[in-house]
């Protein structure tokens, strides 16, 4: 990402997030992809392990259903913290990560 490029708008669009950037570019990422790429230490550790076919989902995970944010807060001028409907809130998404997760619509 070019140095100094910042979001000018964050917009819920369908099942994801559209970000308009100060360099006139626009990116889109689904909530599912954002949740799957959570950068927190516990999610990174979980992704580094082989899948556990016997994992028991918590009541919160079952009740939450498809991932969706309930809040999004800026962290300084470099990232956003997303609070998810399953209660997870420790992921800090740097702007470079948000920009790199662009998906076709």
N, C-alpha and C. Protein backbone atom coordinates (compact mmCIF):
# COMPACT_ATOMS: atom_id res chain seq x y z
N UNK A 1 0.85 -1.17 0.00
CA UNK A 1 0.00 0.00 0.00
C UNK A 1 0.89 1.23 0.00
N UNK A 2 0.50 2.21 -0.79
CA UNK A 2 1.26 3.44 -0.87
C UNK A 2 1.25 4.15 0.49
N UNK A 3 2.39 4.65 0.91
CA UNK A 3 2.48 5.36 2.18
C UNK A 3 1.52 6.52 2.20
N UNK A 4 0.81 6.67 3.31
CA UNK A 4 -0.10 7.79 3.46
C UNK A 4 -1.51 7.55 2.94
N UNK A 5 -1.77 6.41 2.31
CA UNK A 5 -3.11 6.11 1.83
C UNK A 5 -3.97 5.71 3.02
N UNK A 6 -5.11 6.38 3.16
CA UNK A 6 -6.01 6.16 4.29
C UNK A 6 -7.42 5.92 3.79
N UNK A 7 -8.25 5.25 4.59
CA UNK A 7 -9.65 5.08 4.21
C UNK A 7 -10.37 6.44 4.26
N UNK A 8 -11.22 6.66 3.28
CA UNK A 8 -12.08 7.85 3.30
C UNK A 8 -13.51 7.47 3.63
N UNK A 9 -13.87 6.20 3.45
CA UNK A 9 -15.20 5.72 3.80
C UNK A 9 -15.16 4.21 4.03
N UNK A 10 -15.88 3.75 5.05
CA UNK A 10 -16.07 2.33 5.33
C UNK A 10 -17.58 2.10 5.25
N UNK A 11 -18.00 1.21 4.34
CA UNK A 11 -19.41 1.05 4.05
C UNK A 11 -19.80 -0.42 4.10
N UNK A 12 -20.83 -0.76 4.89
CA UNK A 12 -21.39 -2.12 4.85
C UNK A 12 -21.99 -2.31 3.48
N UNK A 13 -21.59 -3.36 2.81
CA UNK A 13 -22.11 -3.63 1.48
C UNK A 13 -22.40 -5.12 1.38
N UNK A 14 -23.67 -5.48 1.34
CA UNK A 14 -24.04 -6.90 1.30
C UNK A 14 -23.49 -7.62 2.52
N UNK A 15 -22.75 -8.68 2.29
CA UNK A 15 -22.16 -9.47 3.37
C UNK A 15 -20.70 -9.11 3.61
N UNK A 16 -20.37 -7.83 3.43
CA UNK A 16 -18.98 -7.45 3.61
C UNK A 16 -18.79 -5.96 3.79
N UNK A 17 -17.56 -5.55 3.58
CA UNK A 17 -17.12 -4.19 3.82
C UNK A 17 -16.46 -3.61 2.58
N UNK A 18 -16.97 -2.46 2.13
CA UNK A 18 -16.31 -1.72 1.06
C UNK A 18 -15.55 -0.59 1.72
N UNK A 19 -14.30 -0.42 1.27
CA UNK A 19 -13.48 0.68 1.77
C UNK A 19 -13.08 1.53 0.59
N UNK A 20 -13.40 2.81 0.67
CA UNK A 20 -12.92 3.78 -0.31
C UNK A 20 -11.66 4.40 0.27
N UNK A 21 -10.62 4.48 -0.56
CA UNK A 21 -9.30 4.92 -0.11
C UNK A 21 -8.97 6.31 -0.65
N UNK A 22 -8.05 6.98 0.00
CA UNK A 22 -7.67 8.34 -0.38
C UNK A 22 -6.97 8.42 -1.73
N UNK A 23 -6.55 7.28 -2.30
CA UNK A 23 -5.94 7.28 -3.63
C UNK A 23 -6.97 6.96 -4.72
N UNK A 24 -8.26 7.11 -4.37
CA UNK A 24 -9.39 6.91 -5.28
C UNK A 24 -9.67 5.44 -5.59
N UNK A 25 -8.99 4.51 -4.94
CA UNK A 25 -9.26 3.09 -5.11
C UNK A 25 -10.38 2.67 -4.15
N UNK A 26 -11.02 1.55 -4.47
CA UNK A 26 -12.06 1.00 -3.62
C UNK A 26 -11.79 -0.50 -3.50
N UNK A 27 -11.91 -1.04 -2.28
CA UNK A 27 -11.73 -2.47 -2.07
C UNK A 27 -12.95 -3.03 -1.37
N UNK A 28 -13.12 -4.35 -1.49
CA UNK A 28 -14.24 -5.04 -0.84
C UNK A 28 -13.71 -6.33 -0.24
N UNK A 29 -14.19 -6.65 0.97
CA UNK A 29 -13.84 -7.92 1.61
C UNK A 29 -15.08 -8.41 2.37
N UNK A 30 -15.37 -9.71 2.23
CA UNK A 30 -16.52 -10.28 2.91
C UNK A 30 -16.23 -10.40 4.41
N UNK A 31 -17.30 -10.41 5.20
CA UNK A 31 -17.14 -10.57 6.65
C UNK A 31 -16.48 -11.91 6.94
N UNK A 32 -16.86 -12.95 6.21
CA UNK A 32 -16.30 -14.28 6.43
C UNK A 32 -14.78 -14.27 6.23
N UNK A 33 -14.32 -13.60 5.17
CA UNK A 33 -12.88 -13.52 4.91
C UNK A 33 -12.18 -12.71 5.99
N UNK A 34 -12.78 -11.60 6.40
CA UNK A 34 -12.17 -10.81 7.47
C UNK A 34 -12.03 -11.63 8.74
N UNK A 35 -13.09 -12.34 9.12
CA UNK A 35 -13.05 -13.14 10.35
C UNK A 35 -12.02 -14.26 10.22
N UNK A 36 -11.96 -14.88 9.04
CA UNK A 36 -11.01 -15.97 8.79
C UNK A 36 -9.57 -15.49 8.90
N UNK A 37 -9.31 -14.23 8.58
CA UNK A 37 -7.95 -13.68 8.61
C UNK A 37 -7.69 -12.82 9.84
N UNK A 38 -8.41 -13.08 10.91
CA UNK A 38 -8.18 -12.30 12.14
C UNK A 38 -6.70 -12.37 12.51
N UNK A 39 -6.08 -11.20 12.73
CA UNK A 39 -4.64 -11.19 13.00
C UNK A 39 -4.24 -11.38 14.46
N UNK A 40 -5.20 -11.65 15.37
CA UNK A 40 -4.82 -11.79 16.77
C UNK A 40 -3.99 -13.05 16.99
N UNK A 41 -3.25 -13.09 18.09
CA UNK A 41 -2.35 -14.21 18.38
C UNK A 41 -3.09 -15.53 18.51
N UNK A 42 -4.25 -15.55 19.17
CA UNK A 42 -4.95 -16.82 19.35
C UNK A 42 -5.48 -17.36 18.02
N UNK A 43 -5.96 -16.49 17.15
CA UNK A 43 -6.44 -16.95 15.83
C UNK A 43 -5.27 -17.42 14.97
N UNK A 44 -4.15 -16.72 15.04
CA UNK A 44 -2.97 -17.15 14.28
C UNK A 44 -2.52 -18.52 14.76
N UNK A 45 -2.52 -18.74 16.07
CA UNK A 45 -2.11 -20.03 16.62
C UNK A 45 -3.09 -21.12 16.17
N UNK A 46 -4.38 -20.84 16.21
CA UNK A 46 -5.38 -21.82 15.79
C UNK A 46 -5.21 -22.19 14.32
N UNK A 47 -4.92 -21.18 13.46
CA UNK A 47 -4.73 -21.45 12.03
C UNK A 47 -3.46 -22.26 11.76
N UNK A 48 -2.47 -22.19 12.66
CA UNK A 48 -1.22 -22.92 12.45
C UNK A 48 -1.33 -24.39 12.83
N UNK A 49 -2.41 -24.77 13.50
CA UNK A 49 -2.62 -26.15 13.92
C UNK A 49 -3.43 -26.91 12.87
N UNK A 50 -3.26 -28.22 12.80
CA UNK A 50 -4.13 -29.00 11.91
C UNK A 50 -5.58 -28.86 12.36
N UNK A 51 -6.52 -28.92 11.44
CA UNK A 51 -7.94 -28.82 11.82
C UNK A 51 -8.31 -29.91 12.82
N UNK A 52 -9.13 -29.56 13.79
CA UNK A 52 -9.57 -30.51 14.80
C UNK A 52 -11.00 -30.96 14.48
N UNK A 53 -11.17 -32.17 13.96
CA UNK A 53 -12.52 -32.63 13.59
C UNK A 53 -13.42 -32.84 14.81
N UNK A 54 -12.85 -32.84 16.01
CA UNK A 54 -13.62 -33.07 17.22
C UNK A 54 -13.86 -31.79 18.03
N UNK A 55 -13.52 -30.65 17.45
CA UNK A 55 -13.71 -29.38 18.15
C UNK A 55 -15.19 -29.18 18.46
N UNK A 56 -15.46 -28.82 19.69
CA UNK A 56 -16.84 -28.56 20.11
C UNK A 56 -17.04 -27.05 20.09
N UNK A 57 -18.05 -26.61 19.36
CA UNK A 57 -18.35 -25.19 19.28
C UNK A 57 -18.96 -24.72 20.59
N UNK A 58 -18.60 -23.50 20.97
CA UNK A 58 -19.20 -22.91 22.17
C UNK A 58 -20.62 -22.47 21.85
N UNK A 59 -21.41 -22.23 22.87
CA UNK A 59 -22.78 -21.76 22.69
C UNK A 59 -22.79 -20.43 21.94
N UNK A 60 -21.80 -19.56 22.21
CA UNK A 60 -21.72 -18.27 21.52
C UNK A 60 -21.44 -18.45 20.04
N UNK A 61 -20.55 -19.40 19.70
CA UNK A 61 -20.24 -19.66 18.29
C UNK A 61 -21.46 -20.20 17.54
N UNK A 62 -22.21 -21.06 18.19
CA UNK A 62 -23.40 -21.63 17.56
C UNK A 62 -24.46 -20.54 17.37
N UNK A 63 -24.69 -19.76 18.40
CA UNK A 63 -25.71 -18.71 18.35
C UNK A 63 -25.35 -17.61 17.35
N UNK A 64 -24.06 -17.36 17.18
CA UNK A 64 -23.62 -16.25 16.33
C UNK A 64 -23.94 -16.49 14.86
N UNK A 65 -23.86 -17.73 14.41
CA UNK A 65 -24.10 -18.02 12.99
C UNK A 65 -22.99 -17.46 12.14
N UNK A 66 -23.37 -16.92 10.98
CA UNK A 66 -22.38 -16.36 10.05
C UNK A 66 -21.67 -15.17 10.70
N UNK A 67 -20.37 -15.02 10.44
CA UNK A 67 -19.65 -13.91 11.06
C UNK A 67 -20.13 -12.56 10.55
N UNK A 68 -20.30 -11.62 11.47
CA UNK A 68 -20.62 -10.24 11.12
C UNK A 68 -20.14 -9.35 12.26
N UNK A 69 -19.71 -8.16 11.94
CA UNK A 69 -19.24 -7.26 12.99
C UNK A 69 -20.40 -6.61 13.72
N UNK A 70 -20.21 -6.36 15.00
CA UNK A 70 -21.19 -5.58 15.75
C UNK A 70 -20.64 -4.18 16.00
N UNK A 71 -19.33 -4.01 15.87
CA UNK A 71 -18.70 -2.70 16.02
C UNK A 71 -17.33 -2.72 15.36
N UNK A 72 -16.90 -1.54 14.94
CA UNK A 72 -15.59 -1.38 14.34
C UNK A 72 -15.03 -0.06 14.85
N UNK A 73 -13.85 -0.11 15.49
CA UNK A 73 -13.27 1.09 16.10
C UNK A 73 -11.89 1.36 15.53
N UNK A 74 -11.59 2.62 15.23
CA UNK A 74 -10.23 2.93 14.78
C UNK A 74 -9.23 2.74 15.91
N UNK A 75 -8.04 2.29 15.54
CA UNK A 75 -6.93 2.16 16.48
C UNK A 75 -5.83 3.06 15.93
N UNK A 76 -5.65 4.20 16.56
CA UNK A 76 -4.71 5.19 16.03
C UNK A 76 -5.08 5.55 14.61
N UNK A 77 -4.06 5.73 13.78
CA UNK A 77 -4.27 6.04 12.36
C UNK A 77 -3.77 4.90 11.48
N UNK A 78 -3.68 3.68 12.07
CA UNK A 78 -3.07 2.58 11.33
C UNK A 78 -3.91 1.31 11.26
N UNK A 79 -5.03 1.22 12.00
CA UNK A 79 -5.76 -0.05 12.07
C UNK A 79 -7.18 0.16 12.55
N UNK A 80 -7.96 -0.94 12.48
CA UNK A 80 -9.31 -0.99 13.05
C UNK A 80 -9.44 -2.25 13.88
N UNK A 81 -10.12 -2.13 15.01
CA UNK A 81 -10.47 -3.27 15.83
C UNK A 81 -11.91 -3.64 15.47
N UNK A 82 -12.15 -4.92 15.19
CA UNK A 82 -13.49 -5.38 14.87
C UNK A 82 -13.99 -6.25 16.02
N UNK A 83 -15.19 -5.92 16.49
CA UNK A 83 -15.85 -6.74 17.50
C UNK A 83 -16.89 -7.57 16.75
N UNK A 84 -16.79 -8.90 16.86
CA UNK A 84 -17.61 -9.82 16.08
C UNK A 84 -18.82 -10.30 16.88
N UNK A 85 -19.83 -10.77 16.16
CA UNK A 85 -21.06 -11.25 16.79
C UNK A 85 -20.84 -12.51 17.63
N UNK A 86 -19.70 -13.18 17.48
CA UNK A 86 -19.41 -14.34 18.34
C UNK A 86 -18.66 -13.93 19.61
N UNK A 87 -18.50 -12.62 19.83
CA UNK A 87 -17.85 -12.12 21.03
C UNK A 87 -16.36 -11.88 20.87
N UNK A 88 -15.77 -12.31 19.78
CA UNK A 88 -14.33 -12.14 19.57
C UNK A 88 -14.03 -10.66 19.30
N UNK A 89 -12.99 -10.13 19.96
CA UNK A 89 -12.71 -8.71 19.80
C UNK A 89 -11.23 -8.35 19.89
N UNK A 90 -10.35 -9.33 19.84
CA UNK A 90 -8.93 -9.03 20.04
C UNK A 90 -8.16 -8.77 18.75
N UNK A 91 -8.82 -8.91 17.60
CA UNK A 91 -8.12 -8.69 16.34
C UNK A 91 -8.00 -7.21 15.99
N UNK A 92 -6.78 -6.77 15.74
CA UNK A 92 -6.51 -5.40 15.27
C UNK A 92 -6.06 -5.54 13.82
N UNK A 93 -6.87 -5.02 12.91
CA UNK A 93 -6.63 -5.17 11.47
C UNK A 93 -5.90 -3.94 10.93
N UNK A 94 -4.60 -4.04 10.65
CA UNK A 94 -3.86 -2.91 10.08
C UNK A 94 -4.46 -2.53 8.71
N UNK A 95 -4.32 -1.28 8.35
CA UNK A 95 -4.82 -0.81 7.06
C UNK A 95 -4.23 -1.63 5.91
N UNK A 96 -2.96 -2.01 6.02
CA UNK A 96 -2.34 -2.81 4.96
C UNK A 96 -3.05 -4.15 4.79
N UNK A 97 -3.48 -4.76 5.89
CA UNK A 97 -4.22 -6.02 5.82
C UNK A 97 -5.58 -5.79 5.17
N UNK A 98 -6.29 -4.76 5.62
CA UNK A 98 -7.60 -4.47 5.03
C UNK A 98 -7.50 -4.23 3.53
N UNK A 99 -6.46 -3.55 3.12
CA UNK A 99 -6.27 -3.27 1.69
C UNK A 99 -5.93 -4.56 0.92
N UNK A 100 -5.14 -5.43 1.51
CA UNK A 100 -4.66 -6.62 0.81
C UNK A 100 -5.74 -7.71 0.66
N UNK A 101 -6.78 -7.67 1.48
CA UNK A 101 -7.80 -8.70 1.45
C UNK A 101 -8.88 -8.43 0.41
N UNK A 102 -8.62 -7.57 -0.54
CA UNK A 102 -9.59 -7.22 -1.58
C UNK A 102 -10.08 -8.46 -2.33
N UNK A 103 -11.41 -8.57 -2.49
CA UNK A 103 -12.03 -9.70 -3.19
C UNK A 103 -12.87 -9.18 -4.35
N UNK A 104 -12.99 -9.97 -5.40
CA UNK A 104 -13.90 -9.58 -6.48
C UNK A 104 -15.34 -9.66 -5.99
N UNK A 105 -16.19 -8.81 -6.52
CA UNK A 105 -17.62 -8.84 -6.14
C UNK A 105 -18.41 -9.47 -7.22
